[in-house]
Amino acid sequence: MTVLPEHCRVDITSPFFRCEMDKEIFLQRLADLPDCMRVSECAGIFQLQFSRPINAEIESLLQNICDYWATVWIVHVS
C-alpha cells in the first residue's frame, strides 16, 4: 500500500481511446475517484490532484481504470 503526502498529483500517460465517448467515460471515472479534486489534460498526459493521500482503495480503482485503457499511472509528490 502506498500512502502519499497531502496534495499528491497522479499523471496518467497516453491512454488508448476507441472514440470520443470512450474518452468521456475515462474522464468521468477519474473524476469520480474518492478525494479527486481536479482532472486536467496537457499534451496527452492526464493529471489528477487529490485532496489527501491516496489509500489502497483509490490505488486499486486507479489501477483498474488504467488497465482498462492500457496505460500507467505515476505519482508526483510535492
N, C-alpha and C. Protein backbone atom coordinates (compact mmCIF):
# COMPACT_ATOMS: atom_id res chain seq x y z
N MET A 1 0.84 -1.19 0.00
CA MET A 1 0.00 0.00 0.00
C MET A 1 0.88 1.24 0.00
N THR A 2 0.55 2.20 -0.84
CA THR A 2 1.28 3.45 -0.93
C THR A 2 0.45 4.54 -0.27
N VAL A 3 1.01 5.22 0.70
CA VAL A 3 0.35 6.36 1.32
C VAL A 3 1.22 7.57 1.01
N LEU A 4 0.63 8.57 0.40
CA LEU A 4 1.38 9.72 -0.06
C LEU A 4 1.06 10.96 0.76
N PRO A 5 1.96 11.93 0.78
CA PRO A 5 1.69 13.18 1.47
C PRO A 5 0.47 13.87 0.87
N GLU A 6 -0.03 14.85 1.61
CA GLU A 6 -1.20 15.58 1.14
C GLU A 6 -0.94 16.24 -0.20
N HIS A 7 -1.99 16.41 -0.95
CA HIS A 7 -1.97 17.07 -2.25
C HIS A 7 -1.01 16.41 -3.22
N CYS A 8 -1.15 15.13 -3.35
CA CYS A 8 -0.33 14.42 -4.33
C CYS A 8 -0.97 14.57 -5.71
N ARG A 9 -0.13 14.43 -6.73
CA ARG A 9 -0.57 14.50 -8.11
C ARG A 9 -0.26 13.18 -8.79
N VAL A 10 -1.20 12.70 -9.57
CA VAL A 10 -1.01 11.47 -10.33
C VAL A 10 -1.10 11.81 -11.80
N ASP A 11 -0.12 11.36 -12.58
CA ASP A 11 -0.14 11.52 -14.03
C ASP A 11 -0.47 10.19 -14.67
N ILE A 12 -1.31 10.25 -15.69
CA ILE A 12 -1.65 9.07 -16.48
C ILE A 12 -1.23 9.37 -17.91
N THR A 13 -0.40 8.50 -18.46
CA THR A 13 0.18 8.77 -19.78
C THR A 13 -0.48 7.96 -20.89
N SER A 14 -0.78 8.63 -21.97
CA SER A 14 -1.21 8.05 -23.24
C SER A 14 -2.23 6.92 -23.18
N PRO A 15 -3.40 7.16 -22.59
CA PRO A 15 -4.43 6.11 -22.64
C PRO A 15 -4.92 5.92 -24.07
N PHE A 16 -5.44 4.74 -24.35
CA PHE A 16 -5.97 4.42 -25.69
C PHE A 16 -7.49 4.58 -25.68
N PHE A 17 -7.99 5.48 -26.53
CA PHE A 17 -9.43 5.71 -26.63
C PHE A 17 -9.95 5.19 -27.96
N ARG A 18 -11.07 4.49 -27.92
CA ARG A 18 -11.68 3.95 -29.13
C ARG A 18 -12.50 5.01 -29.88
N CYS A 19 -13.02 5.98 -29.10
CA CYS A 19 -13.83 7.05 -29.67
C CYS A 19 -13.93 8.17 -28.63
N GLU A 20 -14.58 9.26 -28.99
CA GLU A 20 -14.71 10.40 -28.07
C GLU A 20 -15.52 10.03 -26.83
N MET A 21 -16.55 9.22 -26.98
CA MET A 21 -17.35 8.81 -25.82
C MET A 21 -16.49 8.00 -24.84
N ASP A 22 -15.61 7.18 -25.37
CA ASP A 22 -14.69 6.39 -24.54
C ASP A 22 -13.84 7.33 -23.68
N LYS A 23 -13.35 8.41 -24.27
CA LYS A 23 -12.55 9.39 -23.53
C LYS A 23 -13.39 10.06 -22.44
N GLU A 24 -14.64 10.38 -22.75
CA GLU A 24 -15.53 11.00 -21.77
C GLU A 24 -15.78 10.07 -20.58
N ILE A 25 -15.94 8.78 -20.85
CA ILE A 25 -16.14 7.80 -19.78
C ILE A 25 -14.89 7.72 -18.91
N PHE A 26 -13.74 7.68 -19.55
CA PHE A 26 -12.45 7.67 -18.84
C PHE A 26 -12.35 8.86 -17.89
N LEU A 27 -12.60 10.05 -18.41
CA LEU A 27 -12.51 11.26 -17.59
C LEU A 27 -13.51 11.25 -16.44
N GLN A 28 -14.72 10.75 -16.68
CA GLN A 28 -15.72 10.69 -15.62
C GLN A 28 -15.30 9.72 -14.53
N ARG A 29 -14.75 8.56 -14.92
CA ARG A 29 -14.29 7.59 -13.92
C ARG A 29 -13.17 8.17 -13.07
N LEU A 30 -12.29 8.94 -13.68
CA LEU A 30 -11.22 9.58 -12.91
C LEU A 30 -11.81 10.62 -11.96
N ALA A 31 -12.70 11.45 -12.45
CA ALA A 31 -13.32 12.49 -11.63
C ALA A 31 -14.11 11.91 -10.46
N ASP A 32 -14.62 10.70 -10.62
CA ASP A 32 -15.40 10.05 -9.57
C ASP A 32 -14.56 9.35 -8.50
N LEU A 33 -13.24 9.33 -8.68
CA LEU A 33 -12.38 8.71 -7.67
C LEU A 33 -12.51 9.47 -6.34
N PRO A 34 -12.52 8.77 -5.21
CA PRO A 34 -12.62 9.44 -3.92
C PRO A 34 -11.48 10.45 -3.73
N ASP A 35 -11.81 11.60 -3.24
CA ASP A 35 -10.86 12.67 -2.91
C ASP A 35 -10.17 13.30 -4.12
N CYS A 36 -10.65 13.01 -5.32
CA CYS A 36 -10.08 13.64 -6.51
C CYS A 36 -10.65 15.05 -6.62
N MET A 37 -9.77 16.03 -6.58
CA MET A 37 -10.19 17.43 -6.63
C MET A 37 -10.25 17.96 -8.06
N ARG A 38 -9.35 17.44 -8.92
CA ARG A 38 -9.25 18.01 -10.26
C ARG A 38 -8.67 16.99 -11.22
N VAL A 39 -9.17 17.02 -12.46
CA VAL A 39 -8.61 16.22 -13.55
C VAL A 39 -8.35 17.19 -14.70
N SER A 40 -7.13 17.18 -15.21
CA SER A 40 -6.80 18.05 -16.34
C SER A 40 -5.97 17.27 -17.35
N GLU A 41 -5.85 17.83 -18.55
CA GLU A 41 -5.08 17.18 -19.61
C GLU A 41 -4.14 18.19 -20.24
N CYS A 42 -2.91 17.75 -20.48
CA CYS A 42 -1.93 18.59 -21.17
C CYS A 42 -1.03 17.67 -21.99
N ALA A 43 -1.03 17.85 -23.31
CA ALA A 43 -0.17 17.10 -24.22
C ALA A 43 -0.33 15.58 -24.06
N GLY A 44 -1.56 15.13 -23.90
CA GLY A 44 -1.81 13.70 -23.82
C GLY A 44 -1.56 13.08 -22.46
N ILE A 45 -1.19 13.90 -21.47
CA ILE A 45 -1.00 13.42 -20.10
C ILE A 45 -2.14 13.95 -19.25
N PHE A 46 -2.80 13.05 -18.57
CA PHE A 46 -3.91 13.42 -17.69
C PHE A 46 -3.37 13.54 -16.27
N GLN A 47 -3.69 14.66 -15.62
CA GLN A 47 -3.22 14.90 -14.26
C GLN A 47 -4.39 14.93 -13.30
N LEU A 48 -4.23 14.21 -12.20
CA LEU A 48 -5.24 14.18 -11.15
C LEU A 48 -4.63 14.78 -9.89
N GLN A 49 -5.39 15.63 -9.22
CA GLN A 49 -4.96 16.22 -7.96
C GLN A 49 -5.90 15.68 -6.88
N PHE A 50 -5.32 15.14 -5.82
CA PHE A 50 -6.09 14.58 -4.72
C PHE A 50 -5.99 15.48 -3.49
N SER A 51 -7.08 15.55 -2.73
CA SER A 51 -7.13 16.42 -1.55
C SER A 51 -6.40 15.85 -0.35
N ARG A 52 -6.11 14.56 -0.39
CA ARG A 52 -5.38 13.92 0.71
C ARG A 52 -4.63 12.72 0.15
N PRO A 53 -3.82 12.07 0.96
CA PRO A 53 -3.06 10.92 0.46
C PRO A 53 -3.99 9.83 -0.08
N ILE A 54 -3.56 9.19 -1.16
CA ILE A 54 -4.36 8.10 -1.69
C ILE A 54 -4.11 6.84 -0.86
N ASN A 55 -5.14 6.02 -0.77
CA ASN A 55 -5.04 4.80 0.02
C ASN A 55 -5.16 3.58 -0.91
N ALA A 56 -5.20 2.41 -0.34
CA ALA A 56 -5.24 1.17 -1.12
C ALA A 56 -6.50 1.10 -1.99
N GLU A 57 -7.62 1.58 -1.50
CA GLU A 57 -8.86 1.56 -2.29
C GLU A 57 -8.71 2.41 -3.55
N ILE A 58 -8.19 3.62 -3.40
CA ILE A 58 -8.00 4.51 -4.55
C ILE A 58 -6.96 3.93 -5.50
N GLU A 59 -5.90 3.38 -4.94
CA GLU A 59 -4.87 2.74 -5.77
C GLU A 59 -5.47 1.64 -6.63
N SER A 60 -6.30 0.81 -6.04
CA SER A 60 -6.92 -0.29 -6.76
C SER A 60 -7.85 0.22 -7.86
N LEU A 61 -8.67 1.22 -7.55
CA LEU A 61 -9.57 1.80 -8.54
C LEU A 61 -8.79 2.42 -9.69
N LEU A 62 -7.74 3.15 -9.35
CA LEU A 62 -6.90 3.79 -10.36
C LEU A 62 -6.23 2.76 -11.25
N GLN A 63 -5.75 1.69 -10.65
CA GLN A 63 -5.10 0.63 -11.43
C GLN A 63 -6.10 -0.04 -12.38
N ASN A 64 -7.31 -0.27 -11.92
CA ASN A 64 -8.34 -0.86 -12.77
C ASN A 64 -8.67 0.03 -13.96
N ILE A 65 -8.78 1.33 -13.72
CA ILE A 65 -9.05 2.28 -14.80
C ILE A 65 -7.90 2.25 -15.81
N CYS A 66 -6.68 2.31 -15.32
CA CYS A 66 -5.52 2.33 -16.21
C CYS A 66 -5.36 1.02 -16.97
N ASP A 67 -5.65 -0.09 -16.32
CA ASP A 67 -5.58 -1.38 -17.02
C ASP A 67 -6.56 -1.42 -18.18
N TYR A 68 -7.77 -0.93 -17.95
CA TYR A 68 -8.80 -0.97 -19.00
C TYR A 68 -8.39 -0.13 -20.21
N TRP A 69 -7.77 1.04 -19.96
CA TRP A 69 -7.37 1.93 -21.05
C TRP A 69 -5.90 1.76 -21.44
N ALA A 70 -5.30 0.64 -21.06
CA ALA A 70 -3.95 0.27 -21.48
C ALA A 70 -2.93 1.38 -21.24
N THR A 71 -2.90 1.86 -20.00
CA THR A 71 -1.97 2.92 -19.66
C THR A 71 -1.42 2.70 -18.25
N VAL A 72 -0.57 3.60 -17.80
CA VAL A 72 0.03 3.50 -16.47
C VAL A 72 -0.14 4.83 -15.74
N TRP A 73 0.00 4.78 -14.44
CA TRP A 73 -0.06 6.00 -13.63
C TRP A 73 1.23 6.18 -12.86
N ILE A 74 1.59 7.44 -12.66
CA ILE A 74 2.83 7.82 -11.99
C ILE A 74 2.47 8.86 -10.93
N VAL A 75 3.04 8.71 -9.75
CA VAL A 75 2.76 9.62 -8.65
C VAL A 75 3.86 10.67 -8.55
N HIS A 76 3.44 11.92 -8.34
CA HIS A 76 4.36 13.03 -8.10
C HIS A 76 3.98 13.64 -6.75
N VAL A 77 4.95 13.73 -5.88
CA VAL A 77 4.71 14.27 -4.54
C VAL A 77 5.30 15.66 -4.48
N SER A 78 4.50 16.61 -3.99
CA SER A 78 5.00 17.98 -3.88
C SER A 78 5.36 18.33 -2.45
